[in-house]
Amino acid sequence: MTETERGDAAWAWAVNWTLQEYREPRDGAAREALQHWLAEAPAHRQVYRQVRGLWLITGLIPTRDEQGRPPSGSSFRPCP
């Protein structure tokens, strides 16, 4: 397996762990499995932090429907 393939696989696993975390609460066995995976390689921890960071950032950015309108009298003008 090449370095790129290992990175892609780690990214896929990190995405999977992150999605599982937000879909349903983890039980003890799932938390233990995640901790085991994170301990397998420093790259696993790094990519997991990256995925979680992206998840957080994209979750904080409201969709166009969620943004609503700016307060009246505001000089804010949304980009087209």
Protein backbone atom coordinates (compact mmCIF):
# COMPACT_ATOMS: atom_id res chain seq x y z
CA MET A 1 0.00 0.00 0.00
CA THR A 2 1.40 3.39 -0.98
CA GLU A 3 1.61 6.37 1.35
CA THR A 4 -1.25 8.02 -0.56
CA GLU A 5 -3.42 4.93 -0.21
CA ARG A 6 -2.67 4.78 3.53
CA GLY A 7 -3.60 8.45 3.84
CA ASP A 8 -6.82 7.93 1.90
CA ALA A 9 -7.71 4.93 4.06
CA ALA A 10 -7.00 6.88 7.26
CA TRP A 11 -9.13 9.76 6.00
CA ALA A 12 -12.00 7.37 5.20
CA TRP A 13 -11.78 5.80 8.66
CA ALA A 14 -11.67 9.22 10.34
CA VAL A 15 -14.75 10.33 8.41
CA ASN A 16 -16.49 7.10 9.38
CA TRP A 17 -15.66 7.54 13.09
CA THR A 18 -16.82 11.17 13.01
CA LEU A 19 -20.11 10.33 11.28
CA GLN A 20 -20.78 7.52 13.73
CA GLU A 21 -20.15 9.85 16.65
CA TYR A 22 -22.75 12.34 15.48
CA ARG A 23 -25.33 9.81 14.31
CA GLU A 24 -25.55 7.85 17.51
CA PRO A 25 -23.87 7.96 20.90
CA ARG A 26 -20.94 5.61 21.26
CA ASP A 27 -21.10 2.74 23.68
CA GLY A 28 -18.03 1.60 25.60
CA ALA A 29 -16.95 -0.86 22.90
CA ALA A 30 -17.12 1.79 20.17
CA ARG A 31 -15.13 4.28 22.24
CA GLU A 32 -12.53 1.59 22.91
CA ALA A 33 -12.33 0.73 19.20
CA LEU A 34 -11.81 4.41 18.31
CA GLN A 35 -9.09 4.78 20.95
CA HIS A 36 -7.39 1.65 19.60
CA TRP A 37 -7.49 3.01 16.04
CA LEU A 38 -6.12 6.39 17.17
CA ALA A 39 -3.26 4.66 19.02
CA GLU A 40 -2.25 2.60 15.97
CA ALA A 41 -0.49 5.49 14.22
CA PRO A 42 0.22 9.20 14.79
CA ALA A 43 -1.28 9.85 11.34
CA HIS A 44 -4.62 8.49 12.59
CA ARG A 45 -4.78 11.11 15.34
CA GLN A 46 -3.78 13.86 12.93
CA VAL A 47 -6.34 13.02 10.26
CA TYR A 48 -9.07 12.47 12.90
CA ARG A 49 -8.41 15.99 14.25
CA GLN A 50 -8.58 17.37 10.71
CA VAL A 51 -11.87 15.64 9.94
CA ARG A 52 -13.42 16.72 13.24
CA GLY A 53 -12.24 20.28 12.62
CA LEU A 54 -13.85 20.31 9.18
CA TRP A 55 -17.02 18.82 10.65
CA LEU A 56 -17.12 21.58 13.26
CA ILE A 57 -16.39 24.36 10.79
CA THR A 58 -18.98 23.23 8.27
CA GLY A 59 -21.52 22.75 11.05
CA LEU A 60 -21.02 26.35 12.17
CA ILE A 61 -21.52 27.84 8.73
CA PRO A 62 -25.26 28.36 8.30
CA THR A 63 -26.86 27.35 5.04
CA ARG A 64 -28.42 30.03 2.89
CA ASP A 65 -31.84 29.02 4.25
CA GLU A 66 -30.63 29.31 7.84
CA GLN A 67 -29.01 32.71 7.39
CA GLY A 68 -32.20 34.70 7.29
CA ARG A 69 -32.16 38.39 6.53
CA PRO A 70 -29.88 40.97 8.10
CA PRO A 71 -31.44 43.44 10.55
CA SER A 72 -33.15 46.39 8.91
CA GLY A 73 -30.88 49.38 8.46
CA SER A 74 -27.84 47.12 8.24
CA SER A 75 -25.21 47.98 5.68
CA PHE A 76 -24.52 44.27 5.18
CA ARG A 77 -25.09 43.11 1.62
CA PRO A 78 -24.78 39.37 0.92
CA CYS A 79 -22.66 38.22 -1.98
CA PRO A 80 -24.63 36.94 -4.96
